[in-house]
Amino acid sequence: MKLIRLAITAGLLITLAITIAVYPTMPDKVVSHWNAAGQADGSLPKLWGLSLIPLIMTAFVALLAILPRIDPYKKNYEKFGNWYEGFILLFILFMLAIQAQIILWSIGYQISPNLTMPFLIGSLFIYIGFLLGHAEQNWFVGIRTPWTLSSETVWRKTHELGGKLFKIAGIISFIGVLAGKYAMWFILVPILAVAVYTVAYSYFEFQKELKIQPGNT
C-alpha cells in the first residue's frame, strides 16, 4: 500500500512539474472542451486551463484520503484498501493523460479525444469492475443503495454482478475508438444501463430476501 501511495504522490508531482515546465511556451489560451465530433469548441486562459487538472487531482486525492476516516464502516476499507488506493492511482494517471492531451492539442498536436477517451474511460470502468468485486459494505465506495446498505447479502450479490457489468462496459467503451463521432455513445450508454440495472437488481434482491425471512409470506 505504501508503494501505491508513493506512486500517487509521484503522479501528482509529475503532473505539476510538466505543467510548470510547459507553461511559458503555451499560447495565451488552451483548449478546455471538445464536441462529440472530437473538435475543440472551448478554451480558457492558460493559467486556468493548465491549473484546472492539477487542482482537480489534488482535491480528489484529498477527498478520497478523508472518506475512509469518516465512514461508519471504516474498518471495512482495510479489506479492500489496495484496490481502493489503486483506483486513486489510476485516476491520477487518467487525469495526467487528459492534461497531456490539453497541452499537446494547444501546441498543435491535435489527437482526437474520440481516440483517447474510449480507451482511458474504458480502463477506468474495467478497474472499477475489479474494485466492486472486492469492496465491502461502506457509505462512499460502490453501488450504494438503501438495499445494499441494509443487507450484506444484497451488497455482495449486487457488487459481484456490478463488477462483471462494469468490465463489460469497459470493453464496449474500447470499441468506441472505431466509432468516430459516435464514440461517446459507446461510453455513456453502457454505463447508464449498468447504473440503472444494478440499482433495480439491488431492490429486487432485497425484496426476495424479505420474503424468505421467518414470519414473512
C-alpha atoms as a PDB file:
ATOM      1  CA  MET A   1       0.000   0.000   0.000  1.00  0.00           C
ATOM      2  CA  LYS A   2       2.898   2.336   0.752  1.00  0.00           C
ATOM      3  CA  LEU A   3       4.204   1.782  -2.773  1.00  0.00           C
ATOM      4  CA  ILE A   4       0.823   2.785  -4.226  1.00  0.00           C
ATOM      5  CA  ARG A   5       0.797   5.938  -2.119  1.00  0.00           C
ATOM      6  CA  LEU A   6       4.268   6.821  -3.337  1.00  0.00           C
ATOM      7  CA  ALA A   7       3.095   6.313  -6.917  1.00  0.00           C
ATOM      8  CA  ILE A   8       0.083   8.578  -6.283  1.00  0.00           C
ATOM      9  CA  THR A   9       2.356  11.290  -4.912  1.00  0.00           C
ATOM     10  CA  ALA A  10       4.723  10.847  -7.846  1.00  0.00           C
ATOM     11  CA  GLY A  11       1.818  11.160 -10.297  1.00  0.00           C
ATOM     12  CA  LEU A  12       0.745  14.433  -8.712  1.00  0.00           C
ATOM     13  CA  LEU A  13       4.276  15.815  -8.736  1.00  0.00           C
ATOM     14  CA  ILE A  14       4.931  14.730 -12.338  1.00  0.00           C
ATOM     15  CA  THR A  15       1.719  16.418 -13.490  1.00  0.00           C
ATOM     16  CA  LEU A  16       2.656  19.605 -11.661  1.00  0.00           C
ATOM     17  CA  ALA A  17       6.236  19.531 -12.957  1.00  0.00           C
ATOM     18  CA  ILE A  18       5.145  19.058 -16.578  1.00  0.00           C
ATOM     19  CA  THR A  19       2.583  21.847 -16.251  1.00  0.00           C
ATOM     20  CA  ILE A  20       5.126  24.290 -14.819  1.00  0.00           C
ATOM     21  CA  ALA A  21       7.731  23.309 -17.423  1.00  0.00           C
ATOM     22  CA  VAL A  22       5.485  23.889 -20.449  1.00  0.00           C
ATOM     23  CA  TYR A  23       3.654  26.932 -19.105  1.00  0.00           C
ATOM     24  CA  PRO A  24       5.978  29.613 -20.578  1.00  0.00           C
ATOM     25  CA  THR A  25       5.751  28.076 -24.061  1.00  0.00           C
ATOM     26  CA  MET A  26       1.968  27.686 -24.155  1.00  0.00           C
ATOM     27  CA  PRO A  27      -0.380  30.010 -26.106  1.00  0.00           C
ATOM     28  CA  ASP A  28      -2.447  32.543 -24.176  1.00  0.00           C
ATOM     29  CA  LYS A  29      -5.479  30.272 -24.424  1.00  0.00           C
ATOM     30  CA  VAL A  30      -5.591  26.485 -24.201  1.00  0.00           C
ATOM     31  CA  VAL A  31      -8.297  24.042 -25.216  1.00  0.00           C
ATOM     32  CA  SER A  32     -10.777  23.194 -22.462  1.00  0.00           C
ATOM     33  CA  HIS A  33     -13.539  21.274 -24.235  1.00  0.00           C
ATOM     34  CA  TRP A  34     -14.208  19.103 -27.276  1.00  0.00           C
ATOM     35  CA  ASN A  35     -17.505  18.359 -29.006  1.00  0.00           C
ATOM     36  CA  ALA A  36     -18.864  14.928 -29.916  1.00  0.00           C
ATOM     37  CA  ALA A  37     -17.003  15.034 -33.235  1.00  0.00           C
ATOM     38  CA  GLY A  38     -13.701  15.395 -31.380  1.00  0.00           C
ATOM     39  CA  GLN A  39     -13.192  19.029 -32.334  1.00  0.00           C
ATOM     40  CA  ALA A  40     -12.204  21.683 -29.813  1.00  0.00           C
ATOM     41  CA  ASP A  41     -15.096  24.039 -29.076  1.00  0.00           C
ATOM     42  CA  GLY A  42     -13.967  25.735 -25.877  1.00  0.00           C
ATOM     43  CA  SER A  43     -10.876  27.383 -24.419  1.00  0.00           C
ATOM     44  CA  LEU A  44      -9.593  29.008 -21.240  1.00  0.00           C
ATOM     45  CA  PRO A  45      -6.773  31.419 -20.410  1.00  0.00           C
ATOM     46  CA  LYS A  46      -3.678  29.291 -19.964  1.00  0.00           C
ATOM     47  CA  LEU A  47      -3.378  29.981 -16.224  1.00  0.00           C
ATOM     48  CA  TRP A  48      -6.757  28.418 -15.502  1.00  0.00           C
ATOM     49  CA  GLY A  49      -6.671  25.998 -18.414  1.00  0.00           C
ATOM     50  CA  LEU A  50      -3.434  24.415 -17.194  1.00  0.00           C
ATOM     51  CA  SER A  51      -4.158  24.721 -13.469  1.00  0.00           C
ATOM     52  CA  LEU A  52      -7.549  23.024 -13.562  1.00  0.00           C
ATOM     53  CA  ILE A  53      -6.368  19.399 -13.881  1.00  0.00           C
ATOM     54  CA  PRO A  54      -3.733  19.598 -11.096  1.00  0.00           C
ATOM     55  CA  LEU A  55      -6.306  21.257  -8.819  1.00  0.00           C
ATOM     56  CA  ILE A  56      -8.901  18.545  -9.522  1.00  0.00           C
ATOM     57  CA  MET A  57      -6.318  15.822  -8.938  1.00  0.00           C
ATOM     58  CA  THR A  58      -5.213  17.292  -5.610  1.00  0.00           C
ATOM     59  CA  ALA A  59      -8.777  17.810  -4.379  1.00  0.00           C
ATOM     60  CA  PHE A  60      -9.757  14.290  -5.448  1.00  0.00           C
ATOM     61  CA  VAL A  61      -6.844  12.660  -3.648  1.00  0.00           C
ATOM     62  CA  ALA A  62      -7.522  14.706  -0.511  1.00  0.00           C
ATOM     63  CA  LEU A  63     -11.220  13.757  -0.569  1.00  0.00           C
ATOM     64  CA  LEU A  64     -10.584  10.039  -1.042  1.00  0.00           C
ATOM     65  CA  ALA A  65      -7.993  10.109   1.735  1.00  0.00           C
ATOM     66  CA  ILE A  66     -10.598  11.555   4.123  1.00  0.00           C
ATOM     67  CA  LEU A  67     -13.575   9.336   3.250  1.00  0.00           C
ATOM     68  CA  PRO A  68     -12.330   6.106   4.902  1.00  0.00           C
ATOM     69  CA  ARG A  69     -11.671   8.023   8.104  1.00  0.00           C
ATOM     70  CA  ILE A  70     -15.213   9.374   8.423  1.00  0.00           C
ATOM     71  CA  ASP A  71     -17.093   6.316   7.152  1.00  0.00           C
ATOM     72  CA  PRO A  72     -19.017   4.390   9.855  1.00  0.00           C
ATOM     73  CA  TYR A  73     -17.747   1.239   8.114  1.00  0.00           C
ATOM     74  CA  LYS A  74     -14.132   2.455   8.094  1.00  0.00           C
ATOM     75  CA  LYS A  75     -12.768  -0.910   9.266  1.00  0.00           C
ATOM     76  CA  ASN A  76     -14.084  -2.497   6.072  1.00  0.00           C
ATOM     77  CA  TYR A  77     -11.726  -0.371   3.964  1.00  0.00           C
ATOM     78  CA  GLU A  78      -8.828  -2.410   5.299  1.00  0.00           C
ATOM     79  CA  LYS A  79     -10.229  -5.423   3.425  1.00  0.00           C
ATOM     80  CA  PHE A  80     -10.008  -3.722   0.027  1.00  0.00           C
ATOM     81  CA  GLY A  81      -7.532  -0.929   0.750  1.00  0.00           C
ATOM     82  CA  ASN A  82      -5.109  -1.848  -2.051  1.00  0.00           C
ATOM     83  CA  TRP A  83      -7.914  -1.834  -4.625  1.00  0.00           C
ATOM     84  CA  TYR A  84      -9.191   1.473  -3.273  1.00  0.00           C
ATOM     85  CA  GLU A  85      -5.819   3.168  -3.444  1.00  0.00           C
ATOM     86  CA  GLY A  86      -5.153   1.535  -6.796  1.00  0.00           C
ATOM     87  CA  PHE A  87      -8.237   3.329  -8.107  1.00  0.00           C
ATOM     88  CA  ILE A  88      -6.863   6.645  -6.844  1.00  0.00           C
ATOM     89  CA  LEU A  89      -3.616   5.949  -8.707  1.00  0.00           C
ATOM     90  CA  LEU A  90      -5.466   5.026 -11.894  1.00  0.00           C
ATOM     91  CA  PHE A  91      -7.497   8.232 -11.667  1.00  0.00           C
ATOM     92  CA  ILE A  92      -4.287  10.234 -11.288  1.00  0.00           C
ATOM     93  CA  LEU A  93      -2.890   8.610 -14.442  1.00  0.00           C
ATOM     94  CA  PHE A  94      -6.205   9.259 -16.210  1.00  0.00           C
ATOM     95  CA  MET A  95      -6.054  12.962 -15.364  1.00  0.00           C
ATOM     96  CA  LEU A  96      -2.370  13.138 -16.309  1.00  0.00           C
ATOM     97  CA  ALA A  97      -3.308  11.770 -19.740  1.00  0.00           C
ATOM     98  CA  ILE A  98      -6.001  14.442 -20.107  1.00  0.00           C
ATOM     99  CA  GLN A  99      -3.507  17.155 -19.122  1.00  0.00           C
ATOM    100  CA  ALA A 100      -1.106  15.807 -21.741  1.00  0.00           C
ATOM    101  CA  GLN A 101      -3.841  15.948 -24.366  1.00  0.00           C
ATOM    102  CA  ILE A 102      -4.675  19.555 -23.452  1.00  0.00           C
ATOM    103  CA  ILE A 103      -1.020  20.518 -23.742  1.00  0.00           C
ATOM    104  CA  LEU A 104      -0.402  18.662 -26.994  1.00  0.00           C
ATOM    105  CA  TRP A 105      -3.572  19.944 -28.654  1.00  0.00           C
ATOM    106  CA  SER A 106      -2.811  23.516 -27.640  1.00  0.00           C
ATOM    107  CA  ILE A 107       0.629  23.391 -29.280  1.00  0.00           C
ATOM    108  CA  GLY A 108      -0.625  21.836 -32.487  1.00  0.00           C
ATOM    109  CA  TYR A 109      -0.610  18.060 -31.954  1.00  0.00           C
ATOM    110  CA  GLN A 110      -4.340  17.545 -32.299  1.00  0.00           C
ATOM    111  CA  ILE A 111      -5.026  13.980 -31.182  1.00  0.00           C
ATOM    112  CA  SER A 112      -8.789  13.438 -31.192  1.00  0.00           C
ATOM    113  CA  PRO A 113     -10.341  12.661 -27.792  1.00  0.00           C
ATOM    114  CA  ASN A 114     -12.545  10.204 -29.682  1.00  0.00           C
ATOM    115  CA  LEU A 115      -9.409   8.078 -29.979  1.00  0.00           C
ATOM    116  CA  THR A 116      -8.128   8.541 -26.444  1.00  0.00           C
ATOM    117  CA  MET A 117     -11.207   8.829 -24.199  1.00  0.00           C
ATOM    118  CA  PRO A 118     -12.802   5.459 -25.054  1.00  0.00           C
ATOM    119  CA  PHE A 119      -9.576   3.741 -24.008  1.00  0.00           C
ATOM    120  CA  LEU A 120      -8.984   5.891 -20.919  1.00  0.00           C
ATOM    121  CA  ILE A 121     -12.554   5.711 -19.620  1.00  0.00           C
ATOM    122  CA  GLY A 122     -12.883   2.055 -20.589  1.00  0.00           C
ATOM    123  CA  SER A 123      -9.818   1.301 -18.479  1.00  0.00           C
ATOM    124  CA  LEU A 124     -11.427   3.096 -15.530  1.00  0.00           C
ATOM    125  CA  PHE A 125     -14.616   1.078 -15.952  1.00  0.00           C
ATOM    126  CA  ILE A 126     -12.727  -2.216 -16.022  1.00  0.00           C
ATOM    127  CA  TYR A 127     -10.745  -1.336 -12.907  1.00  0.00           C
ATOM    128  CA  ILE A 128     -13.939  -0.244 -11.154  1.00  0.00           C
ATOM    129  CA  GLY A 129     -15.295  -3.679 -12.014  1.00  0.00           C
ATOM    130  CA  PHE A 130     -12.453  -5.285 -10.068  1.00  0.00           C
ATOM    131  CA  LEU A 131     -12.843  -2.772  -7.238  1.00  0.00           C
ATOM    132  CA  LEU A 132     -16.552  -3.553  -6.910  1.00  0.00           C
ATOM    133  CA  GLY A 133     -15.786  -7.250  -6.731  1.00  0.00           C
ATOM    134  CA  HIS A 134     -13.613  -6.657  -3.649  1.00  0.00           C
ATOM    135  CA  ALA A 135     -15.456  -3.766  -1.932  1.00  0.00           C
ATOM    136  CA  GLU A 136     -17.009  -4.432   1.447  1.00  0.00           C
ATOM    137  CA  GLN A 137     -20.010  -2.525   2.789  1.00  0.00           C
ATOM    138  CA  ASN A 138     -19.330   1.191   3.200  1.00  0.00           C
ATOM    139  CA  TRP A 139     -21.040   4.530   2.659  1.00  0.00           C
ATOM    140  CA  PHE A 140     -18.880   6.010  -0.107  1.00  0.00           C
ATOM    141  CA  VAL A 141     -17.471   3.374  -2.474  1.00  0.00           C
ATOM    142  CA  GLY A 142     -19.520   1.035  -4.604  1.00  0.00           C
ATOM    143  CA  ILE A 143     -23.183   0.589  -5.525  1.00  0.00           C
ATOM    144  CA  ARG A 144     -24.682   2.309  -2.516  1.00  0.00           C
ATOM    145  CA  THR A 145     -28.440   1.920  -2.498  1.00  0.00           C
ATOM    146  CA  PRO A 146     -30.757   1.672   0.526  1.00  0.00           C
ATOM    147  CA  TRP A 147     -30.944  -2.062  -0.160  1.00  0.00           C
ATOM    148  CA  THR A 148     -27.223  -2.828  -0.460  1.00  0.00           C
ATOM    149  CA  LEU A 149     -26.551  -0.808   2.689  1.00  0.00           C
ATOM    150  CA  SER A 150     -29.288  -2.670   4.556  1.00  0.00           C
ATOM    151  CA  SER A 151     -28.119  -6.193   3.725  1.00  0.00           C
ATOM    152  CA  GLU A 152     -24.650  -7.681   3.429  1.00  0.00           C
ATOM    153  CA  THR A 153     -26.040 -10.408   1.185  1.00  0.00           C
ATOM    154  CA  VAL A 154     -27.625  -7.911  -1.218  1.00  0.00           C
ATOM    155  CA  TRP A 155     -24.407  -5.871  -1.158  1.00  0.00           C
ATOM    156  CA  ARG A 156     -22.351  -8.912  -2.100  1.00  0.00           C
ATOM    157  CA  LYS A 157     -24.670 -10.115  -4.868  1.00  0.00           C
ATOM    158  CA  THR A 158     -25.082  -6.633  -6.343  1.00  0.00           C
ATOM    159  CA  HIS A 159     -21.350  -5.969  -6.355  1.00  0.00           C
ATOM    160  CA  GLU A 160     -20.499  -9.321  -7.871  1.00  0.00           C
ATOM    161  CA  LEU A 161     -22.900  -8.592 -10.719  1.00  0.00           C
ATOM    162  CA  GLY A 162     -21.930  -4.921 -10.932  1.00  0.00           C
ATOM    163  CA  GLY A 163     -18.250  -5.826 -11.165  1.00  0.00           C
ATOM    164  CA  LYS A 164     -18.905  -8.047 -14.179  1.00  0.00           C
ATOM    165  CA  LEU A 165     -21.106  -5.447 -15.863  1.00  0.00           C
ATOM    166  CA  PHE A 166     -18.561  -2.654 -15.370  1.00  0.00           C
ATOM    167  CA  LYS A 167     -15.926  -4.794 -17.057  1.00  0.00           C
ATOM    168  CA  ILE A 168     -18.261  -5.389 -19.997  1.00  0.00           C
ATOM    169  CA  ALA A 169     -18.993  -1.637 -20.156  1.00  0.00           C
ATOM    170  CA  GLY A 170     -15.243  -1.014 -20.280  1.00  0.00           C
ATOM    171  CA  ILE A 171     -14.798  -3.386 -23.208  1.00  0.00           C
ATOM    172  CA  ILE A 172     -17.688  -1.745 -25.069  1.00  0.00           C
ATOM    173  CA  SER A 173     -16.069   1.638 -24.405  1.00  0.00           C
ATOM    174  CA  PHE A 174     -12.883   0.417 -26.109  1.00  0.00           C
ATOM    175  CA  ILE A 175     -14.905  -0.303 -29.248  1.00  0.00           C
ATOM    176  CA  GLY A 176     -15.799   3.405 -29.318  1.00  0.00           C
ATOM    177  CA  VAL A 177     -12.310   4.064 -30.703  1.00  0.00           C
ATOM    178  CA  LEU A 178     -13.691   2.785 -34.017  1.00  0.00           C
ATOM    179  CA  ALA A 179     -16.912   4.800 -33.872  1.00  0.00           C
ATOM    180  CA  GLY A 180     -15.667   8.286 -34.755  1.00  0.00           C
ATOM    181  CA  LYS A 181     -18.143  10.982 -33.746  1.00  0.00           C
ATOM    182  CA  TYR A 182     -20.311   8.337 -32.047  1.00  0.00           C
ATOM    183  CA  ALA A 183     -17.515   7.307 -29.658  1.00  0.00           C
ATOM    184  CA  MET A 184     -19.108   8.888 -26.593  1.00  0.00           C
ATOM    185  CA  TRP A 185     -22.243   6.799 -27.057  1.00  0.00           C
ATOM    186  CA  PHE A 186     -20.133   3.689 -26.522  1.00  0.00           C
ATOM    187  CA  ILE A 187     -19.164   5.160 -23.150  1.00  0.00           C
ATOM    188  CA  LEU A 188     -22.422   6.724 -21.964  1.00  0.00           C
ATOM    189  CA  VAL A 189     -24.999   4.121 -22.968  1.00  0.00           C
ATOM    190  CA  PRO A 190     -23.317   1.095 -21.325  1.00  0.00           C
ATOM    191  CA  ILE A 191     -22.562   2.862 -18.060  1.00  0.00           C
ATOM    192  CA  LEU A 192     -26.075   4.304 -17.773  1.00  0.00           C
ATOM    193  CA  ALA A 193     -27.513   0.864 -18.456  1.00  0.00           C
ATOM    194  CA  VAL A 194     -25.267  -0.676 -15.794  1.00  0.00           C
ATOM    195  CA  ALA A 195     -26.251   2.004 -13.261  1.00  0.00           C
ATOM    196  CA  VAL A 196     -29.981   1.522 -13.806  1.00  0.00           C
ATOM    197  CA  TYR A 197     -29.788  -2.262 -13.869  1.00  0.00           C
ATOM    198  CA  THR A 198     -27.706  -2.625 -10.689  1.00  0.00           C
ATOM    199  CA  VAL A 199     -29.959  -0.272  -8.723  1.00  0.00           C
ATOM    200  CA  ALA A 200     -33.042  -2.234  -9.829  1.00  0.00           C
ATOM    201  CA  TYR A 201     -31.252  -5.533  -9.131  1.00  0.00           C
ATOM    202  CA  SER A 202     -30.408  -4.489  -5.572  1.00  0.00           C
ATOM    203  CA  TYR A 203     -34.055  -3.569  -4.935  1.00  0.00           C
ATOM    204  CA  PHE A 204     -35.449  -6.871  -6.192  1.00  0.00           C
ATOM    205  CA  GLU A 205     -32.799  -8.901  -4.370  1.00  0.00           C
ATOM    206  CA  PHE A 206     -33.722  -7.120  -1.134  1.00  0.00           C
ATOM    207  CA  GLN A 207     -37.400  -7.853  -1.702  1.00  0.00           C
ATOM    208  CA  LYS A 208     -36.581 -11.525  -2.255  1.00  0.00           C
ATOM    209  CA  GLU A 209     -34.612 -11.556   0.993  1.00  0.00           C
ATOM    210  CA  LEU A 210     -37.527 -10.050   2.897  1.00  0.00           C
ATOM    211  CA  LYS A 211     -39.884 -12.740   1.608  1.00  0.00           C
ATOM    212  CA  ILE A 212     -37.740 -15.596   2.865  1.00  0.00           C
ATOM    213  CA  GLN A 213     -37.288 -14.178   6.365  1.00  0.00           C
ATOM    214  CA  PRO A 214     -39.202 -16.013   9.132  1.00  0.00           C
ATOM    215  CA  GLY A 215     -42.714 -14.672   9.594  1.00  0.00           C
ATOM    216  CA  ASN A 216     -42.987 -13.352   6.026  1.00  0.00           C
ATOM    217  CA  THR A 217     -45.120 -14.995   3.390  1.00  0.00           C
END
